[in-house]
Amino acid sequence: MRVFTWVVRVAIFLFLLAFAARNTDPVTLRFYFDLAWQMPLVALLLAFFVAGALLGIAAALGVLIRQRRRIGRLEREIDGRAPPRELPPATDG
């Protein structure tokens, strides 16, 4: 199974490497006020992928921190270190 996993990883890497090699043409990204950047298409795609991943992580951090606090509070109540108290109802968003 370990060999199969590495074969799939290498195949995906080679596919993405070939994709990057075929998309090196320069593109122009135009902003407002006549501001423009010119860079290879693959670099632009990578930059937008990284920006999207960072925004997704930032959006999930608030929920993750809130859940960790709630779990810690509940664990302290179970251990008897903190008096039980009324918690607000859990929300999904």
PDB file of N, CA and C in Angstrom:
ATOM      1  N   MET A   1       0.822  -1.187   0.000  1.00  0.00           N
ATOM      2  CA  MET A   1       0.000   0.000   0.000  1.00  0.00           C
ATOM      3  C   MET A   1       0.868   1.253   0.000  1.00  0.00           C
ATOM      4  N   ARG A   2       1.996   1.198   0.703  1.00  0.00           N
ATOM      5  CA  ARG A   2       2.892   2.351   0.765  1.00  0.00           C
ATOM      6  C   ARG A   2       3.472   2.657  -0.619  1.00  0.00           C
ATOM      7  N   VAL A   3       3.802   1.640  -1.387  1.00  0.00           N
ATOM      8  CA  VAL A   3       4.341   1.841  -2.732  1.00  0.00           C
ATOM      9  C   VAL A   3       3.287   2.479  -3.627  1.00  0.00           C
ATOM     10  N   PHE A   4       2.059   2.015  -3.521  1.00  0.00           N
ATOM     11  CA  PHE A   4       0.959   2.578  -4.317  1.00  0.00           C
ATOM     12  C   PHE A   4       0.774   4.056  -4.005  1.00  0.00           C
ATOM     13  N   THR A   5       0.842   4.428  -2.731  1.00  0.00           N
ATOM     14  CA  THR A   5       0.696   5.824  -2.336  1.00  0.00           C
ATOM     15  C   THR A   5       1.793   6.676  -2.969  1.00  0.00           C
ATOM     16  N   TRP A   6       3.024   6.190  -2.957  1.00  0.00           N
ATOM     17  CA  TRP A   6       4.120   6.951  -3.556  1.00  0.00           C
ATOM     18  C   TRP A   6       3.985   7.032  -5.064  1.00  0.00           C
ATOM     19  N   VAL A   7       3.488   5.986  -5.692  1.00  0.00           N
ATOM     20  CA  VAL A   7       3.276   6.024  -7.144  1.00  0.00           C
ATOM     21  C   VAL A   7       2.242   7.092  -7.489  1.00  0.00           C
ATOM     22  N   VAL A   8       1.166   7.160  -6.718  1.00  0.00           N
ATOM     23  CA  VAL A   8       0.134   8.176  -6.958  1.00  0.00           C
ATOM     24  C   VAL A   8       0.702   9.570  -6.720  1.00  0.00           C
ATOM     25  N   ARG A   9       1.479   9.762  -5.666  1.00  0.00           N
ATOM     26  CA  ARG A   9       2.083  11.072  -5.390  1.00  0.00           C
ATOM     27  C   ARG A   9       3.013  11.506  -6.524  1.00  0.00           C
ATOM     28  N   VAL A  10       3.840  10.589  -7.009  1.00  0.00           N
ATOM     29  CA  VAL A  10       4.763  10.917  -8.099  1.00  0.00           C
ATOM     30  C   VAL A  10       3.989  11.241  -9.366  1.00  0.00           C
ATOM     31  N   ALA A  11       2.930  10.495  -9.644  1.00  0.00           N
ATOM     32  CA  ALA A  11       2.124  10.750 -10.836  1.00  0.00           C
ATOM     33  C   ALA A  11       1.468  12.128 -10.765  1.00  0.00           C
ATOM     34  N   ILE A  12       0.928  12.481  -9.604  1.00  0.00           N
ATOM     35  CA  ILE A  12       0.317  13.799  -9.445  1.00  0.00           C
ATOM     36  C   ILE A  12       1.365  14.891  -9.587  1.00  0.00           C
ATOM     37  N   PHE A  13       2.535  14.696  -8.992  1.00  0.00           N
ATOM     38  CA  PHE A  13       3.610  15.684  -9.106  1.00  0.00           C
ATOM     39  C   PHE A  13       4.016  15.876 -10.564  1.00  0.00           C
ATOM     40  N   LEU A  14       4.201  14.783 -11.296  1.00  0.00           N
ATOM     41  CA  LEU A  14       4.599  14.893 -12.699  1.00  0.00           C
ATOM     42  C   LEU A  14       3.523  15.567 -13.530  1.00  0.00           C
ATOM     43  N   PHE A  15       2.260  15.272 -13.241  1.00  0.00           N
ATOM     44  CA  PHE A  15       1.157  15.922 -13.950  1.00  0.00           C
ATOM     45  C   PHE A  15       1.179  17.426 -13.707  1.00  0.00           C
ATOM     46  N   LEU A  16       1.344  17.835 -12.450  1.00  0.00           N
ATOM     47  CA  LEU A  16       1.363  19.263 -12.130  1.00  0.00           C
ATOM     48  C   LEU A  16       2.617  19.942 -12.685  1.00  0.00           C
ATOM     49  N   LEU A  17       3.738  19.243 -12.705  1.00  0.00           N
ATOM     50  CA  LEU A  17       4.957  19.799 -13.278  1.00  0.00           C
ATOM     51  C   LEU A  17       4.785  20.031 -14.780  1.00  0.00           C
ATOM     52  N   ALA A  18       4.186  19.078 -15.475  1.00  0.00           N
ATOM     53  CA  ALA A  18       3.938  19.241 -16.908  1.00  0.00           C
ATOM     54  C   ALA A  18       2.947  20.384 -17.151  1.00  0.00           C
ATOM     55  N   PHE A  19       1.943  20.504 -16.292  1.00  0.00           N
ATOM     56  CA  PHE A  19       0.974  21.601 -16.395  1.00  0.00           C
ATOM     57  C   PHE A  19       1.679  22.945 -16.238  1.00  0.00           C
ATOM     58  N   ALA A  20       2.558  23.042 -15.263  1.00  0.00           N
ATOM     59  CA  ALA A  20       3.286  24.288 -15.025  1.00  0.00           C
ATOM     60  C   ALA A  20       4.218  24.605 -16.200  1.00  0.00           C
ATOM     61  N   ALA A  21       4.862  23.595 -16.749  1.00  0.00           N
ATOM     62  CA  ALA A  21       5.786  23.819 -17.860  1.00  0.00           C
ATOM     63  C   ALA A  21       5.062  24.292 -19.115  1.00  0.00           C
ATOM     64  N   ARG A  22       3.823  23.874 -19.292  1.00  0.00           N
ATOM     65  CA  ARG A  22       3.073  24.267 -20.485  1.00  0.00           C
ATOM     66  C   ARG A  22       2.381  25.621 -20.325  1.00  0.00           C
ATOM     67  N   ASN A  23       2.355  26.193 -19.123  1.00  0.00           N
ATOM     68  CA  ASN A  23       1.651  27.451 -18.886  1.00  0.00           C
ATOM     69  C   ASN A  23       2.596  28.536 -18.384  1.00  0.00           C
ATOM     70  N   THR A  24       3.691  28.727 -19.104  1.00  0.00           N
ATOM     71  CA  THR A  24       4.656  29.750 -18.706  1.00  0.00           C
ATOM     72  C   THR A  24       4.494  31.039 -19.495  1.00  0.00           C
ATOM     73  N   ASP A  25       3.473  31.132 -20.322  1.00  0.00           N
ATOM     74  CA  ASP A  25       3.256  32.357 -21.098  1.00  0.00           C
ATOM     75  C   ASP A  25       2.953  33.521 -20.158  1.00  0.00           C
ATOM     76  N   PRO A  26       3.466  34.695 -20.474  1.00  0.00           N
ATOM     77  CA  PRO A  26       3.186  35.838 -19.601  1.00  0.00           C
ATOM     78  C   PRO A  26       1.750  36.320 -19.779  1.00  0.00           C
ATOM     79  N   VAL A  27       1.132  36.663 -18.672  1.00  0.00           N
ATOM     80  CA  VAL A  27      -0.214  37.244 -18.687  1.00  0.00           C
ATOM     81  C   VAL A  27      -0.155  38.564 -17.937  1.00  0.00           C
ATOM     82  N   THR A  28      -1.103  39.428 -18.238  1.00  0.00           N
ATOM     83  CA  THR A  28      -1.159  40.735 -17.595  1.00  0.00           C
ATOM     84  C   THR A  28      -2.390  40.786 -16.718  1.00  0.00           C
ATOM     85  N   LEU A  29      -2.195  41.081 -15.461  1.00  0.00           N
ATOM     86  CA  LEU A  29      -3.289  41.252 -14.513  1.00  0.00           C
ATOM     87  C   LEU A  29      -3.471  42.751 -14.324  1.00  0.00           C
ATOM     88  N   ARG A  30      -4.619  43.263 -14.753  1.00  0.00           N
ATOM     89  CA  ARG A  30      -4.872  44.698 -14.728  1.00  0.00           C
ATOM     90  C   ARG A  30      -5.708  45.074 -13.509  1.00  0.00           C
ATOM     91  N   PHE A  31      -5.244  46.087 -12.789  1.00  0.00           N
ATOM     92  CA  PHE A  31      -5.950  46.624 -11.631  1.00  0.00           C
ATOM     93  C   PHE A  31      -6.534  47.978 -12.008  1.00  0.00           C
ATOM     94  N   TYR A  32      -7.065  48.659 -11.026  1.00  0.00           N
ATOM     95  CA  TYR A  32      -7.581  50.008 -11.242  1.00  0.00           C
ATOM     96  C   TYR A  32      -6.426  51.000 -11.340  1.00  0.00           C
ATOM     97  N   PHE A  33      -6.708  52.186 -11.828  1.00  0.00           N
ATOM     98  CA  PHE A  33      -5.744  53.282 -11.933  1.00  0.00           C
ATOM     99  C   PHE A  33      -4.546  52.912 -12.804  1.00  0.00           C
ATOM    100  N   ASP A  34      -4.772  52.153 -13.848  1.00  0.00           N
ATOM    101  CA  ASP A  34      -3.750  51.748 -14.817  1.00  0.00           C
ATOM    102  C   ASP A  34      -2.580  50.994 -14.195  1.00  0.00           C
ATOM    103  N   LEU A  35      -2.817  50.323 -13.110  1.00  0.00           N
ATOM    104  CA  LEU A  35      -1.800  49.488 -12.490  1.00  0.00           C
ATOM    105  C   LEU A  35      -1.923  48.082 -13.071  1.00  0.00           C
ATOM    106  N   ALA A  36      -0.812  47.511 -13.503  1.00  0.00           N
ATOM    107  CA  ALA A  36      -0.841  46.179 -14.118  1.00  0.00           C
ATOM    108  C   ALA A  36       0.405  45.403 -13.713  1.00  0.00           C
ATOM    109  N   TRP A  37       0.224  44.101 -13.531  1.00  0.00           N
ATOM    110  CA  TRP A  37       1.330  43.186 -13.263  1.00  0.00           C
ATOM    111  C   TRP A  37       1.419  42.215 -14.422  1.00  0.00           C
ATOM    112  N   GLN A  38       2.629  41.922 -14.833  1.00  0.00           N
ATOM    113  CA  GLN A  38       2.826  40.913 -15.862  1.00  0.00           C
ATOM    114  C   GLN A  38       3.687  39.814 -15.272  1.00  0.00           C
ATOM    115  N   MET A  39       3.195  38.584 -15.340  1.00  0.00           N
ATOM    116  CA  MET A  39       3.903  37.439 -14.771  1.00  0.00           C
ATOM    117  C   MET A  39       3.471  36.172 -15.504  1.00  0.00           C
ATOM    118  N   PRO A  40       4.230  35.094 -15.341  1.00  0.00           N
ATOM    119  CA  PRO A  40       3.817  33.831 -15.973  1.00  0.00           C
ATOM    120  C   PRO A  40       2.481  33.345 -15.405  1.00  0.00           C
ATOM    121  N   LEU A  41       1.690  32.717 -16.257  1.00  0.00           N
ATOM    122  CA  LEU A  41       0.365  32.247 -15.863  1.00  0.00           C
ATOM    123  C   LEU A  41       0.443  31.292 -14.682  1.00  0.00           C
ATOM    124  N   VAL A  42       1.408  30.392 -14.669  1.00  0.00           N
ATOM    125  CA  VAL A  42       1.500  29.415 -13.589  1.00  0.00           C
ATOM    126  C   VAL A  42       1.788  30.102 -12.257  1.00  0.00           C
ATOM    127  N   ALA A  43       2.589  31.174 -12.262  1.00  0.00           N
ATOM    128  CA  ALA A  43       2.865  31.909 -11.021  1.00  0.00           C
ATOM    129  C   ALA A  43       1.600  32.600 -10.522  1.00  0.00           C
ATOM    130  N   LEU A  44       0.824  33.145 -11.439  1.00  0.00           N
ATOM    131  CA  LEU A  44      -0.422  33.796 -11.058  1.00  0.00           C
ATOM    132  C   LEU A  44      -1.414  32.787 -10.473  1.00  0.00           C
ATOM    133  N   LEU A  45      -1.519  31.626 -11.096  1.00  0.00           N
ATOM    134  CA  LEU A  45      -2.403  30.583 -10.568  1.00  0.00           C
ATOM    135  C   LEU A  45      -1.960  30.127  -9.185  1.00  0.00           C
ATOM    136  N   LEU A  46      -0.675  29.955  -8.992  1.00  0.00           N
ATOM    137  CA  LEU A  46      -0.156  29.543  -7.694  1.00  0.00           C
ATOM    138  C   LEU A  46      -0.424  30.612  -6.637  1.00  0.00           C
ATOM    139  N   ALA A  47      -0.235  31.875  -6.996  1.00  0.00           N
ATOM    140  CA  ALA A  47      -0.477  32.964  -6.045  1.00  0.00           C
ATOM    141  C   ALA A  47      -1.945  33.001  -5.611  1.00  0.00           C
ATOM    142  N   PHE A  48      -2.865  32.842  -6.553  1.00  0.00           N
ATOM    143  CA  PHE A  48      -4.274  32.852  -6.190  1.00  0.00           C
ATOM    144  C   PHE A  48      -4.672  31.608  -5.402  1.00  0.00           C
ATOM    145  N   PHE A  49      -4.051  30.469  -5.682  1.00  0.00           N
ATOM    146  CA  PHE A  49      -4.318  29.263  -4.901  1.00  0.00           C
ATOM    147  C   PHE A  49      -3.874  29.448  -3.455  1.00  0.00           C
ATOM    148  N   VAL A  50      -2.670  29.993  -3.268  1.00  0.00           N
ATOM    149  CA  VAL A  50      -2.148  30.218  -1.916  1.00  0.00           C
ATOM    150  C   VAL A  50      -3.019  31.238  -1.176  1.00  0.00           C
ATOM    151  N   ALA A  51      -3.415  32.309  -1.857  1.00  0.00           N
ATOM    152  CA  ALA A  51      -4.272  33.319  -1.223  1.00  0.00           C
ATOM    153  C   ALA A  51      -5.608  32.707  -0.805  1.00  0.00           C
ATOM    154  N   GLY A  52      -6.185  31.875  -1.626  1.00  0.00           N
ATOM    155  CA  GLY A  52      -7.443  31.221  -1.281  1.00  0.00           C
ATOM    156  C   GLY A  52      -7.298  30.270  -0.105  1.00  0.00           C
ATOM    157  N   ALA A  53      -6.195  29.534  -0.070  1.00  0.00           N
ATOM    158  CA  ALA A  53      -5.958  28.625   1.053  1.00  0.00           C
ATOM    159  C   ALA A  53      -5.796  29.403   2.353  1.00  0.00           C
ATOM    160  N   LEU A  54      -5.060  30.512   2.316  1.00  0.00           N
ATOM    161  CA  LEU A  54      -4.882  31.325   3.517  1.00  0.00           C
ATOM    162  C   LEU A  54      -6.199  31.940   3.985  1.00  0.00           C
ATOM    163  N   LEU A  55      -7.022  32.396   3.061  1.00  0.00           N
ATOM    164  CA  LEU A  55      -8.334  32.936   3.444  1.00  0.00           C
ATOM    165  C   LEU A  55      -9.219  31.844   4.051  1.00  0.00           C
ATOM    166  N   GLY A  56      -9.170  30.649   3.507  1.00  0.00           N
ATOM    167  CA  GLY A  56      -9.942  29.546   4.062  1.00  0.00           C
ATOM    168  C   GLY A  56      -9.509  29.183   5.468  1.00  0.00           C
ATOM    169  N   ILE A  57      -8.209  29.158   5.696  1.00  0.00           N
ATOM    170  CA  ILE A  57      -7.689  28.870   7.039  1.00  0.00           C
ATOM    171  C   ILE A  57      -8.098  29.964   8.011  1.00  0.00           C
ATOM    172  N   ALA A  58      -7.984  31.219   7.578  1.00  0.00           N
ATOM    173  CA  ALA A  58      -8.363  32.338   8.451  1.00  0.00           C
ATOM    174  C   ALA A  58      -9.848  32.291   8.794  1.00  0.00           C
ATOM    175  N   ALA A  59     -10.674  31.894   7.847  1.00  0.00           N
ATOM    176  CA  ALA A  59     -12.109  31.802   8.106  1.00  0.00           C
ATOM    177  C   ALA A  59     -12.438  30.689   9.094  1.00  0.00           C
ATOM    178  N   ALA A  60     -11.669  29.618   9.095  1.00  0.00           N
ATOM    179  CA  ALA A  60     -11.938  28.491   9.984  1.00  0.00           C
ATOM    180  C   ALA A  60     -11.368  28.687  11.388  1.00  0.00           C
ATOM    181  N   LEU A  61     -10.429  29.606  11.558  1.00  0.00           N
ATOM    182  CA  LEU A  61      -9.769  29.770  12.850  1.00  0.00           C
ATOM    183  C   LEU A  61     -10.732  30.202  13.955  1.00  0.00           C
ATOM    184  N   GLY A  62     -11.658  31.091  13.657  1.00  0.00           N
ATOM    185  CA  GLY A  62     -12.600  31.555  14.679  1.00  0.00           C
ATOM    186  C   GLY A  62     -13.429  30.417  15.244  1.00  0.00           C
ATOM    187  N   VAL A  63     -13.956  29.588  14.369  1.00  0.00           N
ATOM    188  CA  VAL A  63     -14.756  28.445  14.805  1.00  0.00           C
ATOM    189  C   VAL A  63     -13.897  27.463  15.590  1.00  0.00           C
ATOM    190  N   LEU A  64     -12.681  27.210  15.140  1.00  0.00           N
ATOM    191  CA  LEU A  64     -11.795  26.272  15.820  1.00  0.00           C
ATOM    192  C   LEU A  64     -11.453  26.748  17.229  1.00  0.00           C
ATOM    193  N   ILE A  65     -11.128  28.018  17.366  1.00  0.00           N
ATOM    194  CA  ILE A  65     -10.783  28.552  18.693  1.00  0.00           C
ATOM    195  C   ILE A  65     -11.985  28.496  19.619  1.00  0.00           C
ATOM    196  N   ARG A  66     -13.172  28.842  19.121  1.00  0.00           N
ATOM    197  CA  ARG A  66     -14.382  28.786  19.940  1.00  0.00           C
ATOM    198  C   ARG A  66     -14.667  27.353  20.397  1.00  0.00           C
ATOM    199  N   GLN A  67     -14.503  26.390  19.515  1.00  0.00           N
ATOM    200  CA  GLN A  67     -14.731  24.991  19.881  1.00  0.00           C
ATOM    201  C   GLN A  67     -13.718  24.512  20.916  1.00  0.00           C
ATOM    202  N   ARG A  68     -12.456  24.899  20.784  1.00  0.00           N
ATOM    203  CA  ARG A  68     -11.438  24.483  21.755  1.00  0.00           C
ATOM    204  C   ARG A  68     -11.733  25.059  23.142  1.00  0.00           C
ATOM    205  N   ARG A  69     -12.174  26.306  23.194  1.00  0.00           N
ATOM    206  CA  ARG A  69     -12.526  26.896  24.484  1.00  0.00           C
ATOM    207  C   ARG A  69     -13.689  26.141  25.123  1.00  0.00           C
ATOM    208  N   ARG A  70     -14.686  25.847  24.321  1.00  0.00           N
ATOM    209  CA  ARG A  70     -15.857  25.134  24.839  1.00  0.00           C
ATOM    210  C   ARG A  70     -15.466  23.736  25.324  1.00  0.00           C
ATOM    211  N   ILE A  71     -14.630  23.047  24.579  1.00  0.00           N
ATOM    212  CA  ILE A  71     -14.181  21.711  24.987  1.00  0.00           C
ATOM    213  C   ILE A  71     -13.390  21.791  26.286  1.00  0.00           C
ATOM    214  N   GLY A  72     -12.505  22.767  26.399  1.00  0.00           N
ATOM    215  CA  GLY A  72     -11.737  22.930  27.633  1.00  0.00           C
ATOM    216  C   GLY A  72     -12.631  23.202  28.828  1.00  0.00           C
ATOM    217  N   ARG A  73     -13.633  24.059  28.647  1.00  0.00           N
ATOM    218  CA  ARG A  73     -14.567  24.367  29.722  1.00  0.00           C
ATOM    219  C   ARG A  73     -15.337  23.106  30.139  1.00  0.00           C
ATOM    220  N   LEU A  74     -15.795  22.343  29.170  1.00  0.00           N
ATOM    221  CA  LEU A  74     -16.545  21.126  29.482  1.00  0.00           C
ATOM    222  C   LEU A  74     -15.661  20.080  30.156  1.00  0.00           C
ATOM    223  N   GLU A  75     -14.394  19.969  29.734  1.00  0.00           N
ATOM    224  CA  GLU A  75     -13.493  19.013  30.382  1.00  0.00           C
ATOM    225  C   GLU A  75     -13.228  19.397  31.829  1.00  0.00           C
ATOM    226  N   ARG A  76     -13.084  20.692  32.107  1.00  0.00           N
ATOM    227  CA  ARG A  76     -12.875  21.137  33.490  1.00  0.00           C
ATOM    228  C   ARG A  76     -14.107  20.826  34.339  1.00  0.00           C
ATOM    229  N   GLU A  77     -15.290  20.983  33.780  1.00  0.00           N
ATOM    230  CA  GLU A  77     -16.510  20.654  34.518  1.00  0.00           C
ATOM    231  C   GLU A  77     -16.592  19.169  34.815  1.00  0.00           C
ATOM    232  N   ILE A  78     -16.198  18.341  33.868  1.00  0.00           N
ATOM    233  CA  ILE A  78     -16.241  16.893  34.067  1.00  0.00           C
ATOM    234  C   ILE A  78     -15.258  16.486  35.158  1.00  0.00           C
ATOM    235  N   ASP A  79     -14.074  17.069  35.157  1.00  0.00           N
ATOM    236  CA  ASP A  79     -13.062  16.746  36.163  1.00  0.00           C
ATOM    237  C   ASP A  79     -13.412  17.307  37.530  1.00  0.00           C
ATOM    238  N   GLY A  80     -14.370  18.184  37.611  1.00  0.00           N
ATOM    239  CA  GLY A  80     -14.776  18.755  38.883  1.00  0.00           C
ATOM    240  C   GLY A  80     -13.942  19.949  39.310  1.00  0.00           C
ATOM    241  N   ARG A  81     -13.138  20.451  38.410  1.00  0.00           N
ATOM    242  CA  ARG A  81     -12.306  21.603  38.758  1.00  0.00           C
ATOM    243  C   ARG A  81     -13.057  22.916  38.654  1.00  0.00           C
ATOM    244  N   ALA A  82     -14.130  22.928  37.925  1.00  0.00           N
ATOM    245  CA  ALA A  82     -14.901  24.158  37.770  1.00  0.00           C
ATOM    246  C   ALA A  82     -16.362  23.850  38.058  1.00  0.00           C
ATOM    247  N   PRO A  83     -17.047  24.779  38.651  1.00  0.00           N
ATOM    248  CA  PRO A  83     -18.464  24.527  38.908  1.00  0.00           C
ATOM    249  C   PRO A  83     -19.243  24.491  37.603  1.00  0.00           C
ATOM    250  N   PRO A  84     -20.245  23.622  37.537  1.00  0.00           N
ATOM    251  CA  PRO A  84     -21.047  23.574  36.313  1.00  0.00           C
ATOM    252  C   PRO A  84     -21.791  24.892  36.128  1.00  0.00           C
ATOM    253  N   ARG A  85     -21.910  25.300  34.902  1.00  0.00           N
ATOM    254  CA  ARG A  85     -22.626  26.525  34.601  1.00  0.00           C
ATOM    255  C   ARG A  85     -23.395  26.344  33.312  1.00  0.00           C
ATOM    256  N   GLU A  86     -24.296  27.232  33.085  1.00  0.00           N
ATOM    257  CA  GLU A  86     -25.129  27.158  31.894  1.00  0.00           C
ATOM    258  C   GLU A  86     -24.327  27.652  30.694  1.00  0.00           C
ATOM    259  N   LEU A  87     -24.190  26.798  29.671  1.00  0.00           N
ATOM    260  CA  LEU A  87     -23.485  27.169  28.458  1.00  0.00           C
ATOM    261  C   LEU A  87     -24.484  27.605  27.409  1.00  0.00           C
ATOM    262  N   PRO A  88     -24.106  28.557  26.575  1.00  0.00           N
ATOM    263  CA  PRO A  88     -25.008  28.920  25.487  1.00  0.00           C
ATOM    264  C   PRO A  88     -25.129  27.747  24.520  1.00  0.00           C
ATOM    265  N   PRO A  89     -26.233  27.668  23.823  1.00  0.00           N
ATOM    266  CA  PRO A  89     -26.403  26.549  22.890  1.00  0.00           C
ATOM    267  C   PRO A  89     -25.370  26.626  21.771  1.00  0.00           C
ATOM    268  N   ALA A  90     -24.931  25.467  21.327  1.00  0.00           N
ATOM    269  CA  ALA A  90     -23.929  25.404  20.261  1.00  0.00           C
ATOM    270  C   ALA A  90     -24.570  25.859  18.960  1.00  0.00           C
ATOM    271  N   THR A  91     -23.797  26.623  18.188  1.00  0.00           N
ATOM    272  CA  THR A  91     -24.263  27.069  16.878  1.00  0.00           C
ATOM    273  C   THR A  91     -23.299  26.556  15.832  1.00  0.00           C
ATOM    274  N   ASP A  92     -23.789  26.364  14.642  1.00  0.00           N
ATOM    275  CA  ASP A  92     -22.954  25.865  13.558  1.00  0.00           C
ATOM    276  C   ASP A  92     -22.251  26.983  12.805  1.00  0.00           C
ATOM    277  N   GLY A  93     -22.586  28.207  13.019  1.00  0.00           N
ATOM    278  CA  GLY A  93     -21.974  29.261  12.207  1.00  0.00           C
ATOM    279  C   GLY A  93     -21.571  30.366  13.006  1.00  0.00           C
TER     280      GLY A  93
END
